[in-house]
């Protein structure tokens, strides 16, 4: 079985209300079946916010994900960040399955 590696851009991010937040991950995997993005708010279980198995973009409300299977990366963009997003610390994490 091959090794799987997912790397997300690191560091603290500051986002102002109504602005756009963006994060990118790269991945290395032998057999690619899809990439999942999860949001985990403090004290809560992770919640799936996006899944893609093929290259292209996917939009849902103010969340857009772009998957590039050739370049082996995914971009997540959250448009018009709301006050609730700012007041509830959360993590947006990629996962391969």
PDB file of N, CA and C in Angstrom:
ATOM      1  N   UNK A   1       0.845  -1.180   0.000  1.00  0.00           N
ATOM      2  CA  UNK A   1       0.000   0.000   0.000  1.00  0.00           C
ATOM      3  C   UNK A   1       0.893   1.247   0.000  1.00  0.00           C
ATOM      4  N   UNK A   2       0.595   2.254  -0.840  1.00  0.00           N
ATOM      5  CA  UNK A   2       1.399   3.457  -0.958  1.00  0.00           C
ATOM      6  C   UNK A   2       1.179   4.439   0.171  1.00  0.00           C
ATOM      7  N   UNK A   3       2.099   5.371   0.258  1.00  0.00           N
ATOM      8  CA  UNK A   3       2.019   6.395   1.300  1.00  0.00           C
ATOM      9  C   UNK A   3       1.121   7.540   0.837  1.00  0.00           C
ATOM     10  N   UNK A   4       0.348   8.069   1.777  1.00  0.00           N
ATOM     11  CA  UNK A   4      -0.538   9.194   1.509  1.00  0.00           C
ATOM     12  C   UNK A   4      -0.074  10.395   2.313  1.00  0.00           C
ATOM     13  N   UNK A   5       0.070  11.540   1.650  1.00  0.00           N
ATOM     14  CA  UNK A   5       0.477  12.764   2.322  1.00  0.00           C
ATOM     15  C   UNK A   5      -0.443  13.901   1.898  1.00  0.00           C
ATOM     16  N   UNK A   6      -0.967  14.646   2.874  1.00  0.00           N
ATOM     17  CA  UNK A   6      -1.768  15.837   2.604  1.00  0.00           C
ATOM     18  C   UNK A   6      -1.129  16.987   3.361  1.00  0.00           C
ATOM     19  N   UNK A   7      -0.826  18.081   2.669  1.00  0.00           N
ATOM     20  CA  UNK A   7      -0.188  19.242   3.288  1.00  0.00           C
ATOM     21  C   UNK A   7      -1.053  20.469   3.055  1.00  0.00           C
ATOM     22  N   UNK A   8      -1.394  21.155   4.144  1.00  0.00           N
ATOM     23  CA  UNK A   8      -2.198  22.366   4.054  1.00  0.00           C
ATOM     24  C   UNK A   8      -1.313  23.555   4.394  1.00  0.00           C
ATOM     25  N   UNK A   9      -1.590  24.697   3.742  1.00  0.00           N
ATOM     26  CA  UNK A   9      -0.805  25.885   4.060  1.00  0.00           C
ATOM     27  C   UNK A   9      -0.928  26.166   5.543  1.00  0.00           C
ATOM     28  N   UNK A  10       0.178  26.578   6.143  1.00  0.00           N
ATOM     29  CA  UNK A  10       0.214  26.735   7.592  1.00  0.00           C
ATOM     30  C   UNK A  10       0.170  28.197   7.998  1.00  0.00           C
ATOM     31  N   UNK A  11      -0.020  28.396   9.294  1.00  0.00           N
ATOM     32  CA  UNK A  11       0.042  29.737   9.846  1.00  0.00           C
ATOM     33  C   UNK A  11      -1.317  30.260  10.260  1.00  0.00           C
ATOM     34  N   UNK A  12      -1.280  31.261  11.120  1.00  0.00           N
ATOM     35  CA  UNK A  12      -2.500  31.901  11.585  1.00  0.00           C
ATOM     36  C   UNK A  12      -3.030  32.802  10.488  1.00  0.00           C
ATOM     37  N   UNK A  13      -4.338  32.820  10.338  1.00  0.00           N
ATOM     38  CA  UNK A  13      -4.970  33.621   9.295  1.00  0.00           C
ATOM     39  C   UNK A  13      -5.924  34.619   9.938  1.00  0.00           C
ATOM     40  N   UNK A  14      -5.859  35.873   9.502  1.00  0.00           N
ATOM     41  CA  UNK A  14      -6.769  36.906   9.974  1.00  0.00           C
ATOM     42  C   UNK A  14      -7.681  37.291   8.813  1.00  0.00           C
ATOM     43  N   UNK A  15      -8.986  37.217   9.060  1.00  0.00           N
ATOM     44  CA  UNK A  15      -9.963  37.530   8.016  1.00  0.00           C
ATOM     45  C   UNK A  15     -10.968  38.526   8.585  1.00  0.00           C
ATOM     46  N   UNK A  16     -11.264  39.550   7.818  1.00  0.00           N
ATOM     47  CA  UNK A  16     -12.265  40.523   8.241  1.00  0.00           C
ATOM     48  C   UNK A  16     -13.626  40.138   7.661  1.00  0.00           C
ATOM     49  N   UNK A  17     -14.670  40.543   8.372  1.00  0.00           N
ATOM     50  CA  UNK A  17     -16.033  40.261   7.934  1.00  0.00           C
ATOM     51  C   UNK A  17     -16.249  40.775   6.513  1.00  0.00           C
ATOM     52  N   UNK A  18     -16.981  39.987   5.722  1.00  0.00           N
ATOM     53  CA  UNK A  18     -17.323  40.267   4.330  1.00  0.00           C
ATOM     54  C   UNK A  18     -16.148  40.092   3.368  1.00  0.00           C
ATOM     55  N   UNK A  19     -14.967  39.739   3.859  1.00  0.00           N
ATOM     56  CA  UNK A  19     -13.838  39.468   2.987  1.00  0.00           C
ATOM     57  C   UNK A  19     -13.821  37.992   2.612  1.00  0.00           C
ATOM     58  N   UNK A  20     -12.844  37.601   1.818  1.00  0.00           N
ATOM     59  CA  UNK A  20     -12.727  36.225   1.351  1.00  0.00           C
ATOM     60  C   UNK A  20     -11.567  35.533   2.047  1.00  0.00           C
ATOM     61  N   UNK A  21     -11.814  34.296   2.473  1.00  0.00           N
ATOM     62  CA  UNK A  21     -10.776  33.456   3.058  1.00  0.00           C
ATOM     63  C   UNK A  21     -10.442  32.354   2.061  1.00  0.00           C
ATOM     64  N   UNK A  22      -9.156  32.044   1.938  1.00  0.00           N
ATOM     65  CA  UNK A  22      -8.745  31.014   0.995  1.00  0.00           C
ATOM     66  C   UNK A  22      -7.625  30.178   1.605  1.00  0.00           C
ATOM     67  N   UNK A  23      -7.685  28.870   1.401  1.00  0.00           N
ATOM     68  CA  UNK A  23      -6.614  27.990   1.843  1.00  0.00           C
ATOM     69  C   UNK A  23      -6.409  26.918   0.782  1.00  0.00           C
ATOM     70  N   UNK A  24      -5.198  26.413   0.700  1.00  0.00           N
ATOM     71  CA  UNK A  24      -4.842  25.432  -0.317  1.00  0.00           C
ATOM     72  C   UNK A  24      -4.176  24.232   0.330  1.00  0.00           C
ATOM     73  N   UNK A  25      -4.401  23.069  -0.221  1.00  0.00           N
ATOM     74  CA  UNK A  25      -3.660  21.886   0.212  1.00  0.00           C
ATOM     75  C   UNK A  25      -3.098  21.174  -1.010  1.00  0.00           C
ATOM     76  N   UNK A  26      -1.989  20.509  -0.814  1.00  0.00           N
ATOM     77  CA  UNK A  26      -1.414  19.648  -1.839  1.00  0.00           C
ATOM     78  C   UNK A  26      -1.460  18.221  -1.313  1.00  0.00           C
ATOM     79  N   UNK A  27      -1.406  17.268  -2.207  1.00  0.00           N
ATOM     80  CA  UNK A  27      -1.470  15.879  -1.771  1.00  0.00           C
ATOM     81  C   UNK A  27      -0.620  14.983  -2.654  1.00  0.00           C
ATOM     82  N   UNK A  28      -0.186  13.894  -2.071  1.00  0.00           N
ATOM     83  CA  UNK A  28       0.520  12.833  -2.784  1.00  0.00           C
ATOM     84  C   UNK A  28      -0.130  11.521  -2.363  1.00  0.00           C
ATOM     85  N   UNK A  29      -0.603  10.761  -3.311  1.00  0.00           N
ATOM     86  CA  UNK A  29      -1.276   9.502  -3.006  1.00  0.00           C
ATOM     87  C   UNK A  29      -1.161   8.581  -4.218  1.00  0.00           C
ATOM     88  N   UNK A  30      -1.058   7.286  -3.958  1.00  0.00           N
ATOM     89  CA  UNK A  30      -0.942   6.311  -5.045  1.00  0.00           C
ATOM     90  C   UNK A  30      -2.241   6.185  -5.822  1.00  0.00           C
ATOM     91  N   UNK A  31      -3.330   5.928  -5.121  1.00  0.00           N
ATOM     92  CA  UNK A  31      -4.647   5.768  -5.737  1.00  0.00           C
ATOM     93  C   UNK A  31      -5.586   6.839  -5.210  1.00  0.00           C
ATOM     94  N   UNK A  32      -5.955   7.776  -6.083  1.00  0.00           N
ATOM     95  CA  UNK A  32      -6.796   8.891  -5.666  1.00  0.00           C
ATOM     96  C   UNK A  32      -8.266   8.548  -5.877  1.00  0.00           C
ATOM     97  N   UNK A  33      -9.056   8.661  -4.808  1.00  0.00           N
ATOM     98  CA  UNK A  33     -10.492   8.398  -4.885  1.00  0.00           C
ATOM     99  C   UNK A  33     -11.331   9.635  -4.579  1.00  0.00           C
ATOM    100  N   UNK A  34     -10.712  10.670  -4.051  1.00  0.00           N
ATOM    101  CA  UNK A  34     -11.448  11.887  -3.751  1.00  0.00           C
ATOM    102  C   UNK A  34     -10.820  12.654  -2.605  1.00  0.00           C
ATOM    103  N   UNK A  35     -11.166  13.935  -2.529  1.00  0.00           N
ATOM    104  CA  UNK A  35     -10.655  14.787  -1.472  1.00  0.00           C
ATOM    105  C   UNK A  35     -11.834  15.388  -0.712  1.00  0.00           C
ATOM    106  N   UNK A  36     -11.782  15.282   0.587  1.00  0.00           N
ATOM    107  CA  UNK A  36     -12.826  15.778   1.476  1.00  0.00           C
ATOM    108  C   UNK A  36     -12.312  17.011   2.206  1.00  0.00           C
ATOM    109  N   UNK A  37     -13.151  18.035   2.358  1.00  0.00           N
ATOM    110  CA  UNK A  37     -12.846  19.168   3.230  1.00  0.00           C
ATOM    111  C   UNK A  37     -13.815  19.121   4.407  1.00  0.00           C
ATOM    112  N   UNK A  38     -13.258  19.205   5.604  1.00  0.00           N
ATOM    113  CA  UNK A  38     -14.057  19.203   6.827  1.00  0.00           C
ATOM    114  C   UNK A  38     -13.880  20.520   7.563  1.00  0.00           C
ATOM    115  N   UNK A  39     -14.930  20.962   8.225  1.00  0.00           N
ATOM    116  CA  UNK A  39     -14.849  22.104   9.132  1.00  0.00           C
ATOM    117  C   UNK A  39     -15.089  21.587  10.538  1.00  0.00           C
ATOM    118  N   UNK A  40     -14.202  21.957  11.436  1.00  0.00           N
ATOM    119  CA  UNK A  40     -14.373  21.544  12.830  1.00  0.00           C
ATOM    120  C   UNK A  40     -14.363  22.777  13.717  1.00  0.00           C
ATOM    121  N   UNK A  41     -15.490  23.018  14.347  1.00  0.00           N
ATOM    122  CA  UNK A  41     -15.600  24.115  15.304  1.00  0.00           C
ATOM    123  C   UNK A  41     -15.207  23.604  16.679  1.00  0.00           C
ATOM    124  N   UNK A  42     -14.713  24.502  17.494  1.00  0.00           N
ATOM    125  CA  UNK A  42     -14.236  24.140  18.825  1.00  0.00           C
ATOM    126  C   UNK A  42     -15.316  23.385  19.603  1.00  0.00           C
ATOM    127  N   UNK A  43     -14.941  22.209  20.132  1.00  0.00           N
ATOM    128  CA  UNK A  43     -15.845  21.408  20.939  1.00  0.00           C
ATOM    129  C   UNK A  43     -16.853  20.584  20.155  1.00  0.00           C
ATOM    130  N   UNK A  44     -16.761  20.591  18.819  1.00  0.00           N
ATOM    131  CA  UNK A  44     -17.719  19.851  17.996  1.00  0.00           C
ATOM    132  C   UNK A  44     -16.999  18.846  17.100  1.00  0.00           C
ATOM    133  N   UNK A  45     -17.743  17.875  16.619  1.00  0.00           N
ATOM    134  CA  UNK A  45     -17.195  16.892  15.684  1.00  0.00           C
ATOM    135  C   UNK A  45     -16.994  17.546  14.317  1.00  0.00           C
ATOM    136  N   UNK A  46     -16.039  17.057  13.539  1.00  0.00           N
ATOM    137  CA  UNK A  46     -15.846  17.598  12.182  1.00  0.00           C
ATOM    138  C   UNK A  46     -17.099  17.407  11.329  1.00  0.00           C
ATOM    139  N   UNK A  47     -17.385  18.397  10.481  1.00  0.00           N
ATOM    140  CA  UNK A  47     -18.523  18.315   9.559  1.00  0.00           C
ATOM    141  C   UNK A  47     -18.006  18.424   8.131  1.00  0.00           C
ATOM    142  N   UNK A  48     -18.481  17.534   7.270  1.00  0.00           N
ATOM    143  CA  UNK A  48     -18.077  17.557   5.878  1.00  0.00           C
ATOM    144  C   UNK A  48     -18.664  18.788   5.190  1.00  0.00           C
ATOM    145  N   UNK A  49     -17.816  19.580   4.522  1.00  0.00           N
ATOM    146  CA  UNK A  49     -18.313  20.750   3.801  1.00  0.00           C
ATOM    147  C   UNK A  49     -18.151  20.593   2.289  1.00  0.00           C
ATOM    148  N   UNK A  50     -17.269  19.677   1.850  1.00  0.00           N
ATOM    149  CA  UNK A  50     -17.111  19.471   0.416  1.00  0.00           C
ATOM    150  C   UNK A  50     -16.426  18.140   0.135  1.00  0.00           C
ATOM    151  N   UNK A  51     -16.805  17.536  -0.990  1.00  0.00           N
ATOM    152  CA  UNK A  51     -16.147  16.321  -1.466  1.00  0.00           C
ATOM    153  C   UNK A  51     -16.030  16.410  -2.979  1.00  0.00           C
ATOM    154  N   UNK A  52     -14.849  16.098  -3.508  1.00  0.00           N
ATOM    155  CA  UNK A  52     -14.654  16.066  -4.954  1.00  0.00           C
ATOM    156  C   UNK A  52     -13.780  14.879  -5.329  1.00  0.00           C
ATOM    157  N   UNK A  53     -14.152  14.228  -6.421  1.00  0.00           N
ATOM    158  CA  UNK A  53     -13.379  13.087  -6.909  1.00  0.00           C
ATOM    159  C   UNK A  53     -12.772  13.373  -8.283  1.00  0.00           C
ATOM    160  N   UNK A  54     -13.202  14.456  -8.923  1.00  0.00           N
ATOM    161  CA  UNK A  54     -12.700  14.793 -10.258  1.00  0.00           C
ATOM    162  C   UNK A  54     -12.303  16.266 -10.305  1.00  0.00           C
ATOM    163  N   UNK A  55     -11.387  16.587 -11.200  1.00  0.00           N
ATOM    164  CA  UNK A  55     -10.929  17.967 -11.354  1.00  0.00           C
ATOM    165  C   UNK A  55     -12.094  18.896 -11.689  1.00  0.00           C
ATOM    166  N   UNK A  56     -11.958  20.138 -11.236  1.00  0.00           N
ATOM    167  CA  UNK A  56     -12.978  21.140 -11.506  1.00  0.00           C
ATOM    168  C   UNK A  56     -13.340  21.886 -10.247  1.00  0.00           C
ATOM    169  N   UNK A  57     -14.311  22.772 -10.366  1.00  0.00           N
ATOM    170  CA  UNK A  57     -14.738  23.558  -9.211  1.00  0.00           C
ATOM    171  C   UNK A  57     -16.131  23.126  -8.782  1.00  0.00           C
ATOM    172  N   UNK A  58     -16.405  23.376  -7.514  1.00  0.00           N
ATOM    173  CA  UNK A  58     -17.702  23.036  -6.930  1.00  0.00           C
ATOM    174  C   UNK A  58     -18.087  24.192  -6.021  1.00  0.00           C
ATOM    175  N   UNK A  59     -19.330  24.654  -6.164  1.00  0.00           N
ATOM    176  CA  UNK A  59     -19.794  25.796  -5.373  1.00  0.00           C
ATOM    177  C   UNK A  59     -21.033  25.420  -4.577  1.00  0.00           C
ATOM    178  N   UNK A  60     -21.053  25.862  -3.319  1.00  0.00           N
ATOM    179  CA  UNK A  60     -22.202  25.654  -2.450  1.00  0.00           C
ATOM    180  C   UNK A  60     -22.313  26.872  -1.546  1.00  0.00           C
ATOM    181  N   UNK A  61     -23.369  27.640  -1.725  1.00  0.00           N
ATOM    182  CA  UNK A  61     -23.546  28.913  -0.988  1.00  0.00           C
ATOM    183  C   UNK A  61     -22.321  29.791  -1.191  1.00  0.00           C
ATOM    184  N   UNK A  62     -21.640  30.167  -0.110  1.00  0.00           N
ATOM    185  CA  UNK A  62     -20.473  31.036  -0.272  1.00  0.00           C
ATOM    186  C   UNK A  62     -19.163  30.263  -0.116  1.00  0.00           C
ATOM    187  N   UNK A  63     -19.217  28.938  -0.356  1.00  0.00           N
ATOM    188  CA  UNK A  63     -18.038  28.091  -0.291  1.00  0.00           C
ATOM    189  C   UNK A  63     -17.748  27.507  -1.673  1.00  0.00           C
ATOM    190  N   UNK A  64     -16.518  27.687  -2.136  1.00  0.00           N
ATOM    191  CA  UNK A  64     -16.099  27.137  -3.423  1.00  0.00           C
ATOM    192  C   UNK A  64     -14.854  26.297  -3.223  1.00  0.00           C
ATOM    193  N   UNK A  65     -14.834  25.114  -3.833  1.00  0.00           N
ATOM    194  CA  UNK A  65     -13.627  24.297  -3.822  1.00  0.00           C
ATOM    195  C   UNK A  65     -13.211  24.038  -5.261  1.00  0.00           C
ATOM    196  N   UNK A  66     -11.910  23.969  -5.464  1.00  0.00           N
ATOM    197  CA  UNK A  66     -11.339  23.686  -6.769  1.00  0.00           C
ATOM    198  C   UNK A  66     -10.377  22.527  -6.585  1.00  0.00           C
ATOM    199  N   UNK A  67     -10.530  21.485  -7.386  1.00  0.00           N
ATOM    200  CA  UNK A  67      -9.640  20.334  -7.322  1.00  0.00           C
ATOM    201  C   UNK A  67      -8.889  20.218  -8.631  1.00  0.00           C
ATOM    202  N   UNK A  68      -7.571  20.093  -8.542  1.00  0.00           N
ATOM    203  CA  UNK A  68      -6.722  19.889  -9.704  1.00  0.00           C
ATOM    204  C   UNK A  68      -5.985  18.567  -9.503  1.00  0.00           C
ATOM    205  N   UNK A  69      -6.463  17.516 -10.168  1.00  0.00           N
ATOM    206  CA  UNK A  69      -5.862  16.196  -9.966  1.00  0.00           C
ATOM    207  C   UNK A  69      -4.528  16.049 -10.703  1.00  0.00           C
ATOM    208  N   UNK A  70      -4.272  16.896 -11.704  1.00  0.00           N
ATOM    209  CA  UNK A  70      -2.984  16.866 -12.391  1.00  0.00           C
ATOM    210  C   UNK A  70      -1.899  17.501 -11.519  1.00  0.00           C
ATOM    211  N   UNK A  71      -2.202  18.681 -10.982  1.00  0.00           N
ATOM    212  CA  UNK A  71      -1.257  19.373 -10.109  1.00  0.00           C
ATOM    213  C   UNK A  71      -1.285  18.866  -8.679  1.00  0.00           C
ATOM    214  N   UNK A  72      -2.251  18.003  -8.375  1.00  0.00           N
ATOM    215  CA  UNK A  72      -2.427  17.403  -7.047  1.00  0.00           C
ATOM    216  C   UNK A  72      -2.572  18.460  -5.952  1.00  0.00           C
ATOM    217  N   UNK A  73      -3.553  19.345  -6.151  1.00  0.00           N
ATOM    218  CA  UNK A  73      -3.864  20.325  -5.117  1.00  0.00           C
ATOM    219  C   UNK A  73      -5.350  20.630  -5.112  1.00  0.00           C
ATOM    220  N   UNK A  74      -5.794  21.179  -3.985  1.00  0.00           N
ATOM    221  CA  UNK A  74      -7.179  21.624  -3.846  1.00  0.00           C
ATOM    222  C   UNK A  74      -7.176  22.986  -3.168  1.00  0.00           C
ATOM    223  N   UNK A  75      -8.065  23.840  -3.614  1.00  0.00           N
ATOM    224  CA  UNK A  75      -8.204  25.178  -3.052  1.00  0.00           C
ATOM    225  C   UNK A  75      -9.613  25.299  -2.481  1.00  0.00           C
ATOM    226  N   UNK A  76      -9.717  25.844  -1.299  1.00  0.00           N
ATOM    227  CA  UNK A  76     -11.015  26.117  -0.683  1.00  0.00           C
ATOM    228  C   UNK A  76     -11.133  27.618  -0.495  1.00  0.00           C
ATOM    229  N   UNK A  77     -12.254  28.179  -0.919  1.00  0.00           N
ATOM    230  CA  UNK A  77     -12.475  29.622  -0.806  1.00  0.00           C
ATOM    231  C   UNK A  77     -13.822  29.883  -0.148  1.00  0.00           C
ATOM    232  N   UNK A  78     -13.812  30.666   0.897  1.00  0.00           N
ATOM    233  CA  UNK A  78     -15.020  31.050   1.620  1.00  0.00           C
ATOM    234  C   UNK A  78     -15.236  32.532   1.367  1.00  0.00           C
ATOM    235  N   UNK A  79     -16.307  32.861   0.649  1.00  0.00           N
ATOM    236  CA  UNK A  79     -16.586  34.250   0.279  1.00  0.00           C
ATOM    237  C   UNK A  79     -17.492  34.914   1.301  1.00  0.00           C
ATOM    238  N   UNK A  80     -17.324  36.207   1.440  1.00  0.00           N
ATOM    239  CA  UNK A  80     -18.151  37.019   2.335  1.00  0.00           C
ATOM    240  C   UNK A  80     -18.270  36.377   3.720  1.00  0.00           C
ATOM    241  N   UNK A  81     -17.133  36.254   4.364  1.00  0.00           N
ATOM    242  CA  UNK A  81     -17.082  35.661   5.698  1.00  0.00           C
ATOM    243  C   UNK A  81     -18.041  36.395   6.619  1.00  0.00           C
ATOM    244  N   UNK A  82     -18.817  35.622   7.394  1.00  0.00           N
ATOM    245  CA  UNK A  82     -19.826  36.190   8.286  1.00  0.00           C
ATOM    246  C   UNK A  82     -19.309  36.294   9.718  1.00  0.00           C
ATOM    247  N   UNK A  83     -19.999  37.104  10.516  1.00  0.00           N
ATOM    248  CA  UNK A  83     -19.618  37.298  11.915  1.00  0.00           C
ATOM    249  C   UNK A  83     -19.553  35.965  12.641  1.00  0.00           C
ATOM    250  N   UNK A  84     -20.501  35.053  12.371  1.00  0.00           N
ATOM    251  CA  UNK A  84     -20.513  33.753  13.050  1.00  0.00           C
ATOM    252  C   UNK A  84     -19.262  32.942  12.728  1.00  0.00           C
ATOM    253  N   UNK A  85     -18.724  33.113  11.514  1.00  0.00           N
ATOM    254  CA  UNK A  85     -17.488  32.427  11.142  1.00  0.00           C
ATOM    255  C   UNK A  85     -16.315  32.982  11.941  1.00  0.00           C
ATOM    256  N   UNK A  86     -16.358  34.281  12.210  1.00  0.00           N
ATOM    257  CA  UNK A  86     -15.252  34.930  12.915  1.00  0.00           C
ATOM    258  C   UNK A  86     -15.299  34.662  14.413  1.00  0.00           C
ATOM    259  N   UNK A  87     -16.498  34.537  14.978  1.00  0.00           N
ATOM    260  CA  UNK A  87     -16.634  34.366  16.418  1.00  0.00           C
ATOM    261  C   UNK A  87     -16.478  32.929  16.875  1.00  0.00           C
ATOM    262  N   UNK A  88     -16.583  31.988  15.959  1.00  0.00           N
ATOM    263  CA  UNK A  88     -16.461  30.574  16.306  1.00  0.00           C
ATOM    264  C   UNK A  88     -15.165  30.028  15.718  1.00  0.00           C
ATOM    265  N   UNK A  89     -14.139  29.887  16.534  1.00  0.00           N
ATOM    266  CA  UNK A  89     -12.879  29.359  16.006  1.00  0.00           C
ATOM    267  C   UNK A  89     -13.120  28.001  15.359  1.00  0.00           C
ATOM    268  N   UNK A  90     -12.572  27.812  14.178  1.00  0.00           N
ATOM    269  CA  UNK A  90     -12.765  26.544  13.502  1.00  0.00           C
ATOM    270  C   UNK A  90     -11.538  26.223  12.652  1.00  0.00           C
ATOM    271  N   UNK A  91     -11.461  24.977  12.241  1.00  0.00           N
ATOM    272  CA  UNK A  91     -10.398  24.525  11.367  1.00  0.00           C
ATOM    273  C   UNK A  91     -11.029  23.956  10.105  1.00  0.00           C
ATOM    274  N   UNK A  92     -10.462  24.282   8.963  1.00  0.00           N
ATOM    275  CA  UNK A  92     -10.890  23.709   7.693  1.00  0.00           C
ATOM    276  C   UNK A  92      -9.773  22.779   7.249  1.00  0.00           C
ATOM    277  N   UNK A  93     -10.034  21.485   7.238  1.00  0.00           N
ATOM    278  CA  UNK A  93      -8.990  20.497   7.022  1.00  0.00           C
ATOM    279  C   UNK A  93      -9.302  19.578   5.859  1.00  0.00           C
ATOM    280  N   UNK A  94      -8.308  19.312   5.009  1.00  0.00           N
ATOM    281  CA  UNK A  94      -8.507  18.370   3.917  1.00  0.00           C
ATOM    282  C   UNK A  94      -8.213  16.949   4.355  1.00  0.00           C
ATOM    283  N   UNK A  95      -8.818  15.981   3.659  1.00  0.00           N
ATOM    284  CA  UNK A  95      -8.598  14.573   3.962  1.00  0.00           C
ATOM    285  C   UNK A  95      -8.780  13.769   2.679  1.00  0.00           C
ATOM    286  N   UNK A  96      -7.952  12.769   2.472  1.00  0.00           N
ATOM    287  CA  UNK A  96      -8.079  11.873   1.324  1.00  0.00           C
ATOM    288  C   UNK A  96      -8.660  10.555   1.787  1.00  0.00           C
ATOM    289  N   UNK A  97      -9.461   9.936   0.933  1.00  0.00           N
ATOM    290  CA  UNK A  97      -9.966   8.580   1.240  1.00  0.00           C
ATOM    291  C   UNK A  97      -9.976   7.770  -0.019  1.00  0.00           C
TER     292      UNK A  97
END
